[in-house]
């Protein structure tokens, strides 16, 4: 990953006063470091700028940075990103361009902090905690591992074949049950809870 693409690495945001929600939306949450076509990147930016919820998360990210500093926020995102990639490698899952980006980690951290500070807006089944807590860090990684695993659930994938060859166990049965579940969300994946549960089984 070319981390030089992230403006906060250079300290320019803090020094020049341009540290705002638009910068966060464009440069932190829109997969600018992903191996994607320019048109896809631009579409991601435009969608985020037009998304009221994304703006809320960008504001939450600014608050996180105000509390911990950009270096610590970035270091946590890199830690979550690194742990996710290691787990995917273990199960023979090749991460897609979005997972190779830091944006998914920034996005989830911002989302978790938003609901941590706006509990009345959170789903009653949603686990609420500061993204800097170890509990929430594990959940963030588990959810993304689960997301990639579910996307690689096809019977001919290396991941599915590997799981099928595992000795019979309660964990194996739970994994197979979850990856055979029908999509429960409009975006073609499982619920946040089930994705985190699936990822936790792939430790």
N, C-alpha and C. Protein backbone atom coordinates (compact mmCIF):
# COMPACT_ATOMS: atom_id res chain seq x y z
N UNK A 1 0.83 -1.20 0.00
CA UNK A 1 0.00 0.00 0.00
C UNK A 1 0.87 1.25 0.00
N UNK A 2 0.51 2.22 -0.82
CA UNK A 2 1.27 3.46 -0.89
C UNK A 2 0.72 4.44 0.14
N UNK A 3 1.28 4.42 1.32
CA UNK A 3 0.75 5.25 2.40
C UNK A 3 0.98 6.73 2.16
N UNK A 4 1.85 7.08 1.21
CA UNK A 4 2.05 8.49 0.92
C UNK A 4 0.79 9.15 0.36
N UNK A 5 -0.16 8.32 -0.10
CA UNK A 5 -1.40 8.87 -0.63
C UNK A 5 -2.27 9.44 0.46
N UNK A 6 -1.97 9.10 1.71
CA UNK A 6 -2.80 9.58 2.81
C UNK A 6 -2.24 10.90 3.31
N UNK A 7 -3.02 11.96 3.15
CA UNK A 7 -2.53 13.30 3.45
C UNK A 7 -2.12 13.47 4.89
N UNK A 8 -2.82 12.78 5.81
CA UNK A 8 -2.51 13.01 7.21
C UNK A 8 -1.12 12.51 7.55
N UNK A 9 -0.54 11.62 6.74
CA UNK A 9 0.82 11.15 6.99
C UNK A 9 1.80 12.32 6.94
N UNK A 10 1.49 13.30 6.08
CA UNK A 10 2.40 14.42 5.89
C UNK A 10 2.15 15.52 6.90
N UNK A 11 1.12 15.37 7.72
CA UNK A 11 0.81 16.38 8.73
C UNK A 11 0.19 17.64 8.17
N UNK A 12 -0.15 17.64 6.87
CA UNK A 12 -0.63 18.87 6.25
C UNK A 12 -2.00 19.27 6.77
N UNK A 13 -2.83 18.29 7.11
CA UNK A 13 -4.19 18.61 7.54
C UNK A 13 -4.17 19.39 8.85
N UNK A 14 -3.38 18.93 9.79
CA UNK A 14 -3.34 19.58 11.09
C UNK A 14 -2.75 20.97 10.99
N UNK A 15 -1.69 21.10 10.19
CA UNK A 15 -0.98 22.38 10.14
C UNK A 15 -1.71 23.44 9.34
N UNK A 16 -2.35 23.04 8.19
CA UNK A 16 -2.91 24.08 7.33
C UNK A 16 -4.39 24.35 7.60
N UNK A 17 -4.96 23.68 8.61
CA UNK A 17 -6.33 23.98 9.00
C UNK A 17 -7.38 23.38 8.10
N UNK A 18 -6.99 22.51 7.16
CA UNK A 18 -7.96 21.94 6.23
C UNK A 18 -8.46 20.58 6.70
N UNK A 19 -8.31 20.33 7.98
CA UNK A 19 -8.73 19.06 8.57
C UNK A 19 -10.23 19.13 8.79
N UNK A 20 -11.02 18.67 7.81
CA UNK A 20 -12.46 18.79 7.90
C UNK A 20 -13.15 17.55 7.35
N UNK A 21 -14.48 17.54 7.43
CA UNK A 21 -15.22 16.35 7.02
C UNK A 21 -15.04 16.03 5.54
N UNK A 22 -14.92 17.05 4.70
CA UNK A 22 -14.76 16.78 3.27
C UNK A 22 -13.44 16.07 2.99
N UNK A 23 -12.38 16.49 3.65
CA UNK A 23 -11.08 15.83 3.49
C UNK A 23 -11.16 14.39 3.97
N UNK A 24 -11.80 14.18 5.12
CA UNK A 24 -11.95 12.82 5.65
C UNK A 24 -12.73 11.96 4.67
N UNK A 25 -13.83 12.49 4.15
CA UNK A 25 -14.65 11.74 3.21
C UNK A 25 -13.88 11.38 1.94
N UNK A 26 -13.15 12.34 1.42
CA UNK A 26 -12.45 12.13 0.16
C UNK A 26 -11.19 11.27 0.30
N UNK A 27 -10.42 11.53 1.35
CA UNK A 27 -9.08 10.93 1.41
C UNK A 27 -8.93 9.79 2.42
N UNK A 28 -9.88 9.67 3.33
CA UNK A 28 -9.77 8.60 4.33
C UNK A 28 -10.81 7.51 4.12
N UNK A 29 -11.99 7.89 3.67
CA UNK A 29 -13.11 6.95 3.62
C UNK A 29 -13.52 6.53 2.21
N UNK A 30 -12.79 6.94 1.21
CA UNK A 30 -13.23 6.69 -0.17
C UNK A 30 -12.28 5.80 -0.98
N UNK A 31 -11.45 5.03 -0.32
CA UNK A 31 -10.60 4.03 -0.98
C UNK A 31 -9.63 4.64 -2.00
N UNK A 32 -9.08 5.80 -1.64
CA UNK A 32 -8.14 6.46 -2.53
C UNK A 32 -6.85 5.70 -2.72
N UNK A 33 -6.50 4.80 -1.78
CA UNK A 33 -5.28 4.02 -1.87
C UNK A 33 -5.51 2.64 -2.49
N UNK A 34 -6.77 2.35 -2.88
CA UNK A 34 -7.09 1.03 -3.43
C UNK A 34 -6.68 0.92 -4.90
N UNK A 35 -6.43 -0.30 -5.33
CA UNK A 35 -6.06 -0.56 -6.71
C UNK A 35 -7.34 -0.62 -7.55
N UNK A 36 -7.91 0.55 -7.78
CA UNK A 36 -9.15 0.69 -8.52
C UNK A 36 -8.98 1.68 -9.65
N UNK A 37 -9.86 1.58 -10.63
CA UNK A 37 -9.84 2.55 -11.73
C UNK A 37 -10.20 3.94 -11.18
N UNK A 38 -9.69 4.96 -11.83
CA UNK A 38 -9.95 6.34 -11.40
C UNK A 38 -11.44 6.63 -11.31
N UNK A 39 -12.21 6.08 -12.24
CA UNK A 39 -13.65 6.32 -12.25
C UNK A 39 -14.32 5.72 -11.01
N UNK A 40 -13.87 4.54 -10.60
CA UNK A 40 -14.42 3.91 -9.40
C UNK A 40 -14.11 4.73 -8.16
N UNK A 41 -12.88 5.24 -8.10
CA UNK A 41 -12.49 6.07 -6.96
C UNK A 41 -13.32 7.35 -6.90
N UNK A 42 -13.53 7.95 -8.06
CA UNK A 42 -14.33 9.18 -8.11
C UNK A 42 -15.77 8.91 -7.71
N UNK A 43 -16.30 7.77 -8.15
CA UNK A 43 -17.67 7.40 -7.78
C UNK A 43 -17.79 7.22 -6.27
N UNK A 44 -16.76 6.62 -5.66
CA UNK A 44 -16.77 6.41 -4.21
C UNK A 44 -16.80 7.76 -3.49
N UNK A 45 -16.01 8.70 -3.98
CA UNK A 45 -15.97 10.03 -3.37
C UNK A 45 -17.33 10.71 -3.49
N UNK A 46 -17.91 10.67 -4.69
CA UNK A 46 -19.20 11.33 -4.92
C UNK A 46 -20.31 10.72 -4.08
N UNK A 47 -20.29 9.41 -3.96
CA UNK A 47 -21.30 8.73 -3.14
C UNK A 47 -21.16 9.13 -1.67
N UNK A 48 -19.93 9.20 -1.19
CA UNK A 48 -19.72 9.59 0.20
C UNK A 48 -20.14 11.03 0.46
N UNK A 49 -19.81 11.91 -0.46
CA UNK A 49 -20.15 13.33 -0.29
C UNK A 49 -21.66 13.55 -0.28
N UNK A 50 -22.39 12.65 -0.95
CA UNK A 50 -23.84 12.79 -1.03
C UNK A 50 -24.56 11.97 0.04
N UNK A 51 -23.81 11.25 0.86
CA UNK A 51 -24.39 10.34 1.85
C UNK A 51 -24.40 10.99 3.23
N UNK A 52 -25.58 11.33 3.76
CA UNK A 52 -25.64 11.97 5.09
C UNK A 52 -25.00 11.12 6.19
N UNK A 53 -25.15 9.81 6.11
CA UNK A 53 -24.57 8.95 7.13
C UNK A 53 -23.05 8.99 7.07
N UNK A 54 -22.51 9.01 5.84
CA UNK A 54 -21.05 9.08 5.69
C UNK A 54 -20.51 10.36 6.30
N UNK A 55 -21.27 11.45 6.16
CA UNK A 55 -20.85 12.72 6.75
C UNK A 55 -20.83 12.63 8.28
N UNK A 56 -21.79 11.91 8.84
CA UNK A 56 -21.79 11.71 10.30
C UNK A 56 -20.56 10.94 10.74
N UNK A 57 -20.20 9.93 9.97
CA UNK A 57 -19.03 9.12 10.32
C UNK A 57 -17.75 9.93 10.15
N UNK A 58 -17.72 10.80 9.14
CA UNK A 58 -16.54 11.65 8.95
C UNK A 58 -16.37 12.58 10.14
N UNK A 59 -17.47 13.12 10.64
CA UNK A 59 -17.42 13.98 11.82
C UNK A 59 -16.93 13.18 13.03
N UNK A 60 -17.39 11.94 13.15
CA UNK A 60 -16.95 11.08 14.25
C UNK A 60 -15.45 10.82 14.15
N UNK A 61 -14.96 10.64 12.92
CA UNK A 61 -13.52 10.43 12.74
C UNK A 61 -12.72 11.65 13.16
N UNK A 62 -13.22 12.82 12.86
CA UNK A 62 -12.55 14.05 13.30
C UNK A 62 -12.48 14.11 14.83
N UNK A 63 -13.55 13.67 15.48
CA UNK A 63 -13.56 13.67 16.94
C UNK A 63 -12.54 12.67 17.48
N UNK A 64 -12.44 11.51 16.83
CA UNK A 64 -11.45 10.52 17.24
C UNK A 64 -10.04 11.08 17.12
N UNK A 65 -9.80 11.76 16.02
CA UNK A 65 -8.47 12.36 15.80
C UNK A 65 -8.20 13.44 16.84
N UNK A 66 -9.24 14.19 17.19
CA UNK A 66 -9.08 15.20 18.22
C UNK A 66 -8.71 14.60 19.57
N UNK A 67 -9.23 13.42 19.84
CA UNK A 67 -8.96 12.75 21.11
C UNK A 67 -7.60 12.07 21.15
N UNK A 68 -7.25 11.40 20.04
CA UNK A 68 -6.06 10.54 20.05
C UNK A 68 -4.91 11.02 19.16
N UNK A 69 -5.19 11.95 18.24
CA UNK A 69 -4.17 12.37 17.29
C UNK A 69 -4.19 11.48 16.05
N UNK A 70 -3.84 12.06 14.91
CA UNK A 70 -3.92 11.32 13.65
C UNK A 70 -2.96 10.12 13.61
N UNK A 71 -1.80 10.24 14.26
CA UNK A 71 -0.84 9.13 14.21
C UNK A 71 -1.39 7.89 14.91
N UNK A 72 -2.04 8.08 16.06
CA UNK A 72 -2.58 6.95 16.79
C UNK A 72 -3.78 6.35 16.06
N UNK A 73 -4.59 7.20 15.45
CA UNK A 73 -5.74 6.71 14.69
C UNK A 73 -5.26 5.89 13.49
N UNK A 74 -4.28 6.41 12.79
CA UNK A 74 -3.73 5.69 11.65
C UNK A 74 -3.08 4.38 12.08
N UNK A 75 -2.35 4.42 13.21
CA UNK A 75 -1.68 3.22 13.69
C UNK A 75 -2.70 2.13 14.02
N UNK A 76 -3.83 2.51 14.60
CA UNK A 76 -4.85 1.52 14.91
C UNK A 76 -5.45 0.95 13.63
N UNK A 77 -5.73 1.82 12.66
CA UNK A 77 -6.26 1.34 11.38
C UNK A 77 -5.30 0.35 10.73
N UNK A 78 -4.02 0.66 10.77
CA UNK A 78 -3.02 -0.23 10.18
C UNK A 78 -2.95 -1.57 10.92
N UNK A 79 -3.10 -1.52 12.23
CA UNK A 79 -3.10 -2.73 13.04
C UNK A 79 -4.28 -3.63 12.66
N UNK A 80 -5.48 -3.05 12.57
CA UNK A 80 -6.67 -3.81 12.20
C UNK A 80 -6.53 -4.38 10.80
N UNK A 81 -6.02 -3.56 9.90
CA UNK A 81 -5.80 -3.96 8.51
C UNK A 81 -4.83 -5.13 8.43
N UNK A 82 -3.74 -5.03 9.15
CA UNK A 82 -2.71 -6.08 9.15
C UNK A 82 -3.25 -7.40 9.71
N UNK A 83 -3.98 -7.31 10.81
CA UNK A 83 -4.53 -8.53 11.41
C UNK A 83 -5.54 -9.20 10.49
N UNK A 84 -6.33 -8.38 9.81
CA UNK A 84 -7.31 -8.92 8.88
C UNK A 84 -6.62 -9.68 7.74
N UNK A 85 -5.61 -9.07 7.14
CA UNK A 85 -4.91 -9.71 6.03
C UNK A 85 -4.24 -11.01 6.46
N UNK A 86 -3.69 -11.03 7.67
CA UNK A 86 -3.05 -12.24 8.17
C UNK A 86 -4.06 -13.38 8.31
N UNK A 87 -5.23 -13.06 8.82
CA UNK A 87 -6.27 -14.07 9.00
C UNK A 87 -6.76 -14.58 7.65
N UNK A 88 -6.91 -13.70 6.69
CA UNK A 88 -7.38 -14.11 5.36
C UNK A 88 -6.37 -15.03 4.69
N UNK A 89 -5.09 -14.69 4.83
CA UNK A 89 -4.03 -15.53 4.26
C UNK A 89 -4.07 -16.93 4.85
N UNK A 90 -4.32 -17.01 6.13
CA UNK A 90 -4.38 -18.30 6.83
C UNK A 90 -5.43 -19.22 6.22
N UNK A 91 -6.51 -18.64 5.72
CA UNK A 91 -7.61 -19.45 5.17
C UNK A 91 -7.65 -19.42 3.64
N UNK A 92 -6.57 -18.98 3.04
CA UNK A 92 -6.48 -19.04 1.58
C UNK A 92 -7.39 -18.07 0.85
N UNK A 93 -7.74 -16.97 1.51
CA UNK A 93 -8.61 -15.97 0.90
C UNK A 93 -7.77 -14.83 0.35
N UNK A 94 -7.90 -14.56 -0.92
CA UNK A 94 -7.18 -13.44 -1.53
C UNK A 94 -8.02 -12.18 -1.40
N UNK A 95 -7.57 -11.20 -0.63
CA UNK A 95 -8.38 -10.00 -0.39
C UNK A 95 -8.62 -9.19 -1.66
N UNK A 96 -9.81 -8.63 -1.76
CA UNK A 96 -10.10 -7.79 -2.93
C UNK A 96 -9.49 -6.40 -2.74
N UNK A 97 -9.52 -5.56 -3.77
CA UNK A 97 -8.88 -4.23 -3.67
C UNK A 97 -9.40 -3.38 -2.52
N UNK A 98 -10.66 -3.53 -2.17
CA UNK A 98 -11.22 -2.73 -1.08
C UNK A 98 -10.62 -3.14 0.26
N UNK A 99 -10.40 -4.43 0.43
CA UNK A 99 -9.81 -4.91 1.67
C UNK A 99 -8.34 -4.54 1.78
N UNK A 100 -7.67 -4.41 0.65
CA UNK A 100 -6.25 -4.00 0.67
C UNK A 100 -6.10 -2.53 1.03
N UNK A 101 -7.18 -1.79 0.99
CA UNK A 101 -7.18 -0.37 1.36
C UNK A 101 -7.34 -0.20 2.87
N UNK A 102 -6.86 0.92 3.38
CA UNK A 102 -7.09 1.24 4.80
C UNK A 102 -8.49 1.81 5.04
N UNK A 103 -9.17 2.18 3.98
CA UNK A 103 -10.45 2.87 4.15
C UNK A 103 -11.48 2.07 4.92
N UNK A 104 -11.53 0.74 4.70
CA UNK A 104 -12.55 -0.04 5.42
C UNK A 104 -12.32 0.04 6.93
N UNK A 105 -11.03 0.05 7.34
CA UNK A 105 -10.73 0.14 8.77
C UNK A 105 -11.10 1.52 9.32
N UNK A 106 -10.74 2.57 8.58
CA UNK A 106 -11.11 3.92 9.00
C UNK A 106 -12.63 4.04 9.09
N UNK A 107 -13.31 3.50 8.08
CA UNK A 107 -14.78 3.59 8.02
C UNK A 107 -15.41 2.93 9.23
N UNK A 108 -14.98 1.71 9.54
CA UNK A 108 -15.58 0.99 10.66
C UNK A 108 -15.24 1.64 11.98
N UNK A 109 -14.02 2.12 12.13
CA UNK A 109 -13.66 2.83 13.35
C UNK A 109 -14.55 4.05 13.56
N UNK A 110 -14.76 4.81 12.48
CA UNK A 110 -15.59 6.01 12.56
C UNK A 110 -17.03 5.64 12.89
N UNK A 111 -17.53 4.59 12.26
CA UNK A 111 -18.90 4.15 12.51
C UNK A 111 -19.08 3.71 13.96
N UNK A 112 -18.12 2.94 14.47
CA UNK A 112 -18.21 2.47 15.85
C UNK A 112 -18.19 3.64 16.83
N UNK A 113 -17.32 4.62 16.56
CA UNK A 113 -17.25 5.76 17.47
C UNK A 113 -18.53 6.59 17.39
N UNK A 114 -19.09 6.69 16.19
CA UNK A 114 -20.33 7.46 16.05
C UNK A 114 -21.43 6.87 16.93
N UNK A 115 -21.63 5.56 16.85
CA UNK A 115 -22.69 4.95 17.65
C UNK A 115 -22.33 4.89 19.13
N UNK A 116 -21.04 4.87 19.43
CA UNK A 116 -20.59 4.93 20.82
C UNK A 116 -20.98 6.27 21.45
N UNK A 117 -20.99 7.32 20.63
CA UNK A 117 -21.34 8.65 21.13
C UNK A 117 -22.78 9.05 20.79
N UNK A 118 -23.49 8.21 20.05
CA UNK A 118 -24.90 8.47 19.70
C UNK A 118 -25.69 7.17 19.92
N UNK A 119 -25.72 6.73 21.15
CA UNK A 119 -26.28 5.40 21.46
C UNK A 119 -27.76 5.27 21.08
N UNK A 120 -28.49 6.35 21.11
CA UNK A 120 -29.92 6.28 20.79
C UNK A 120 -30.16 5.95 19.32
N UNK A 121 -29.18 6.17 18.47
CA UNK A 121 -29.32 5.88 17.05
C UNK A 121 -28.87 4.46 16.69
N UNK A 122 -28.26 3.78 17.65
CA UNK A 122 -27.74 2.44 17.38
C UNK A 122 -28.85 1.40 17.45
N UNK A 123 -28.72 0.37 16.64
CA UNK A 123 -29.62 -0.77 16.68
C UNK A 123 -29.54 -1.40 18.08
N UNK A 124 -30.67 -1.87 18.59
CA UNK A 124 -30.68 -2.44 19.95
C UNK A 124 -29.81 -3.69 20.05
N UNK A 125 -29.57 -4.35 18.91
CA UNK A 125 -28.72 -5.54 18.92
C UNK A 125 -27.26 -5.22 18.66
N UNK A 126 -26.97 -3.93 18.51
CA UNK A 126 -25.62 -3.49 18.15
C UNK A 126 -24.73 -3.41 19.38
N UNK A 127 -23.55 -3.96 19.28
CA UNK A 127 -22.57 -3.88 20.37
C UNK A 127 -21.91 -2.51 20.34
N UNK A 128 -22.04 -1.77 21.42
CA UNK A 128 -21.52 -0.40 21.45
C UNK A 128 -20.27 -0.33 22.31
N UNK A 129 -19.19 0.20 21.72
CA UNK A 129 -17.94 0.36 22.47
C UNK A 129 -17.01 1.28 21.70
N UNK A 130 -16.08 1.87 22.39
CA UNK A 130 -15.06 2.72 21.79
C UNK A 130 -14.19 1.87 20.86
N UNK A 131 -13.93 2.33 19.62
CA UNK A 131 -13.09 1.54 18.71
C UNK A 131 -11.67 1.33 19.20
N UNK A 132 -11.24 2.09 20.19
CA UNK A 132 -9.90 1.88 20.75
C UNK A 132 -9.91 0.78 21.82
N UNK A 133 -11.08 0.27 22.17
CA UNK A 133 -11.15 -0.84 23.13
C UNK A 133 -10.79 -2.14 22.40
N UNK A 134 -10.15 -3.05 23.11
CA UNK A 134 -9.75 -4.32 22.50
C UNK A 134 -10.96 -5.11 22.02
N UNK A 135 -12.04 -5.04 22.77
CA UNK A 135 -13.27 -5.75 22.40
C UNK A 135 -13.76 -5.30 21.03
N UNK A 136 -13.81 -4.00 20.81
CA UNK A 136 -14.32 -3.48 19.54
C UNK A 136 -13.32 -3.70 18.41
N UNK A 137 -12.04 -3.65 18.71
CA UNK A 137 -11.04 -3.93 17.67
C UNK A 137 -11.19 -5.35 17.13
N UNK A 138 -11.39 -6.31 18.04
CA UNK A 138 -11.59 -7.70 17.61
C UNK A 138 -12.83 -7.82 16.73
N UNK A 139 -13.88 -7.13 17.13
CA UNK A 139 -15.13 -7.19 16.38
C UNK A 139 -14.95 -6.61 14.97
N UNK A 140 -14.24 -5.50 14.87
CA UNK A 140 -14.01 -4.87 13.56
C UNK A 140 -13.28 -5.82 12.62
N UNK A 141 -12.22 -6.44 13.13
CA UNK A 141 -11.45 -7.38 12.31
C UNK A 141 -12.30 -8.60 11.97
N UNK A 142 -12.99 -9.14 12.96
CA UNK A 142 -13.83 -10.31 12.72
C UNK A 142 -14.88 -10.04 11.65
N UNK A 143 -15.50 -8.89 11.71
CA UNK A 143 -16.54 -8.56 10.74
C UNK A 143 -15.99 -8.52 9.32
N UNK A 144 -14.81 -7.92 9.16
CA UNK A 144 -14.27 -7.82 7.81
C UNK A 144 -13.76 -9.16 7.30
N UNK A 145 -13.18 -9.95 8.20
CA UNK A 145 -12.78 -11.31 7.81
C UNK A 145 -14.03 -12.09 7.39
N UNK A 146 -15.10 -11.94 8.15
CA UNK A 146 -16.35 -12.61 7.81
C UNK A 146 -16.91 -12.15 6.48
N UNK A 147 -16.78 -10.86 6.21
CA UNK A 147 -17.26 -10.31 4.93
C UNK A 147 -16.51 -10.92 3.75
N UNK A 148 -15.19 -10.99 3.86
CA UNK A 148 -14.40 -11.58 2.79
C UNK A 148 -14.70 -13.08 2.67
N UNK A 149 -14.83 -13.76 3.79
CA UNK A 149 -15.12 -15.19 3.77
C UNK A 149 -16.45 -15.45 3.09
N UNK A 150 -17.45 -14.65 3.42
CA UNK A 150 -18.77 -14.84 2.81
C UNK A 150 -18.72 -14.59 1.31
N UNK A 151 -17.93 -13.63 0.91
CA UNK A 151 -17.78 -13.33 -0.52
C UNK A 151 -17.00 -14.41 -1.26
N UNK A 152 -16.29 -15.25 -0.50
CA UNK A 152 -15.51 -16.35 -1.09
C UNK A 152 -16.12 -17.71 -0.73
N UNK A 153 -17.42 -17.74 -0.58
CA UNK A 153 -18.09 -18.94 -0.09
C UNK A 153 -18.37 -19.97 -1.18
N UNK A 154 -18.15 -19.64 -2.44
CA UNK A 154 -18.45 -20.56 -3.53
C UNK A 154 -17.80 -21.92 -3.31
N UNK A 155 -18.47 -23.01 -3.71
CA UNK A 155 -17.97 -24.38 -3.45
C UNK A 155 -16.63 -24.70 -4.10
N UNK A 156 -16.22 -23.93 -5.11
CA UNK A 156 -14.94 -24.22 -5.77
C UNK A 156 -13.82 -23.31 -5.30
N UNK A 157 -14.09 -22.41 -4.35
CA UNK A 157 -13.04 -21.51 -3.88
C UNK A 157 -12.09 -22.26 -2.95
N UNK A 158 -10.87 -21.77 -2.88
CA UNK A 158 -9.85 -22.37 -2.00
C UNK A 158 -10.33 -22.35 -0.56
N UNK A 159 -10.98 -21.28 -0.17
CA UNK A 159 -11.49 -21.15 1.20
C UNK A 159 -12.52 -22.23 1.50
N UNK A 160 -13.52 -22.37 0.65
CA UNK A 160 -14.59 -23.35 0.89
C UNK A 160 -14.05 -24.77 0.90
N UNK A 161 -13.16 -25.06 -0.03
CA UNK A 161 -12.57 -26.41 -0.10
C UNK A 161 -11.79 -26.70 1.17
N UNK A 162 -11.03 -25.70 1.64
CA UNK A 162 -10.24 -25.87 2.86
C UNK A 162 -11.12 -26.13 4.07
N UNK A 163 -12.21 -25.38 4.19
CA UNK A 163 -13.13 -25.58 5.31
C UNK A 163 -13.77 -26.97 5.23
N UNK A 164 -14.14 -27.39 4.05
CA UNK A 164 -14.78 -28.69 3.87
C UNK A 164 -13.87 -29.84 4.28
N UNK A 165 -12.57 -29.64 4.14
CA UNK A 165 -11.60 -30.69 4.47
C UNK A 165 -11.22 -30.71 5.95
N UNK A 166 -11.67 -29.72 6.68
CA UNK A 166 -11.37 -29.68 8.11
C UNK A 166 -12.05 -30.84 8.82
N UNK A 167 -11.44 -31.35 9.90
CA UNK A 167 -12.11 -32.39 10.69
C UNK A 167 -13.45 -31.87 11.20
N UNK A 168 -14.41 -32.76 11.31
CA UNK A 168 -15.72 -32.36 11.79
C UNK A 168 -15.62 -31.78 13.21
N UNK A 169 -16.28 -30.68 13.42
CA UNK A 169 -16.28 -30.04 14.73
C UNK A 169 -17.46 -29.08 14.78
N UNK A 170 -17.75 -28.60 15.97
CA UNK A 170 -18.82 -27.63 16.14
C UNK A 170 -18.51 -26.35 15.36
N UNK A 171 -17.24 -25.93 15.40
CA UNK A 171 -16.83 -24.71 14.71
C UNK A 171 -17.00 -24.85 13.20
N UNK A 172 -16.59 -26.00 12.66
CA UNK A 172 -16.75 -26.23 11.22
C UNK A 172 -18.22 -26.18 10.82
N UNK A 173 -19.07 -26.81 11.61
CA UNK A 173 -20.50 -26.81 11.32
C UNK A 173 -21.06 -25.39 11.33
N UNK A 174 -20.60 -24.57 12.28
CA UNK A 174 -21.09 -23.19 12.36
C UNK A 174 -20.62 -22.37 11.17
N UNK A 175 -19.37 -22.57 10.76
CA UNK A 175 -18.84 -21.85 9.60
C UNK A 175 -19.64 -22.20 8.36
N UNK A 176 -19.84 -23.50 8.12
CA UNK A 176 -20.58 -23.94 6.94
C UNK A 176 -22.02 -23.44 6.97
N UNK A 177 -22.61 -23.42 8.16
CA UNK A 177 -23.98 -22.92 8.29
C UNK A 177 -24.05 -21.45 7.87
N UNK A 178 -23.09 -20.66 8.35
CA UNK A 178 -23.12 -19.22 8.07
C UNK A 178 -22.84 -18.91 6.61
N UNK A 179 -21.87 -19.60 5.99
CA UNK A 179 -21.55 -19.28 4.60
C UNK A 179 -22.62 -19.82 3.64
N UNK A 180 -23.48 -20.70 4.14
CA UNK A 180 -24.59 -21.20 3.31
C UNK A 180 -25.87 -20.42 3.54
N UNK A 181 -25.81 -19.46 4.46
CA UNK A 181 -26.96 -18.62 4.73
C UNK A 181 -27.27 -17.76 3.52
N UNK A 182 -28.55 -17.48 3.30
CA UNK A 182 -28.94 -16.57 2.23
C UNK A 182 -28.61 -15.15 2.65
N UNK A 183 -28.35 -14.32 1.67
CA UNK A 183 -28.03 -12.92 1.93
C UNK A 183 -29.20 -12.27 2.66
N UNK A 184 -28.88 -11.55 3.72
CA UNK A 184 -29.93 -10.92 4.52
C UNK A 184 -29.98 -9.41 4.34
N UNK A 185 -29.03 -8.86 3.58
CA UNK A 185 -29.00 -7.41 3.37
C UNK A 185 -29.05 -7.09 1.88
N UNK A 186 -29.57 -5.92 1.53
CA UNK A 186 -29.66 -5.54 0.11
C UNK A 186 -28.32 -5.51 -0.62
N UNK A 187 -27.23 -5.31 0.12
CA UNK A 187 -25.92 -5.25 -0.53
C UNK A 187 -25.30 -6.63 -0.74
N UNK A 188 -26.10 -7.67 -0.54
CA UNK A 188 -25.66 -9.01 -0.89
C UNK A 188 -24.78 -9.71 0.12
N UNK A 189 -24.93 -9.36 1.39
CA UNK A 189 -24.13 -10.02 2.41
C UNK A 189 -24.98 -10.33 3.63
N UNK A 190 -24.35 -10.82 4.68
CA UNK A 190 -25.06 -11.15 5.91
C UNK A 190 -25.17 -9.91 6.80
N UNK A 191 -25.87 -10.05 7.89
CA UNK A 191 -25.97 -8.96 8.86
C UNK A 191 -24.60 -8.72 9.48
N UNK A 192 -24.42 -7.53 10.03
CA UNK A 192 -23.16 -7.19 10.69
C UNK A 192 -22.85 -8.19 11.80
N UNK A 193 -23.88 -8.59 12.53
CA UNK A 193 -23.70 -9.55 13.63
C UNK A 193 -23.20 -10.90 13.11
N UNK A 194 -23.83 -11.40 12.04
CA UNK A 194 -23.44 -12.70 11.51
C UNK A 194 -22.05 -12.66 10.85
N UNK A 195 -21.71 -11.55 10.23
CA UNK A 195 -20.37 -11.43 9.65
C UNK A 195 -19.30 -11.48 10.74
N UNK A 196 -19.54 -10.76 11.83
CA UNK A 196 -18.58 -10.78 12.94
C UNK A 196 -18.50 -12.17 13.56
N UNK A 197 -19.64 -12.84 13.65
CA UNK A 197 -19.66 -14.21 14.19
C UNK A 197 -18.86 -15.15 13.31
N UNK A 198 -19.04 -15.03 11.98
CA UNK A 198 -18.30 -15.85 11.03
C UNK A 198 -16.81 -15.58 11.15
N UNK A 199 -16.45 -14.31 11.19
CA UNK A 199 -15.03 -13.96 11.31
C UNK A 199 -14.40 -14.47 12.59
N UNK A 200 -15.15 -14.44 13.69
CA UNK A 200 -14.64 -14.90 14.97
C UNK A 200 -14.32 -16.41 14.92
N UNK A 201 -15.08 -17.13 14.11
CA UNK A 201 -14.83 -18.58 13.97
C UNK A 201 -13.56 -18.85 13.15
N UNK A 202 -13.16 -17.86 12.35
CA UNK A 202 -11.98 -18.01 11.50
C UNK A 202 -10.78 -17.30 12.16
N UNK A 203 -10.46 -17.73 13.37
CA UNK A 203 -9.38 -17.05 14.10
C UNK A 203 -8.05 -17.78 13.91
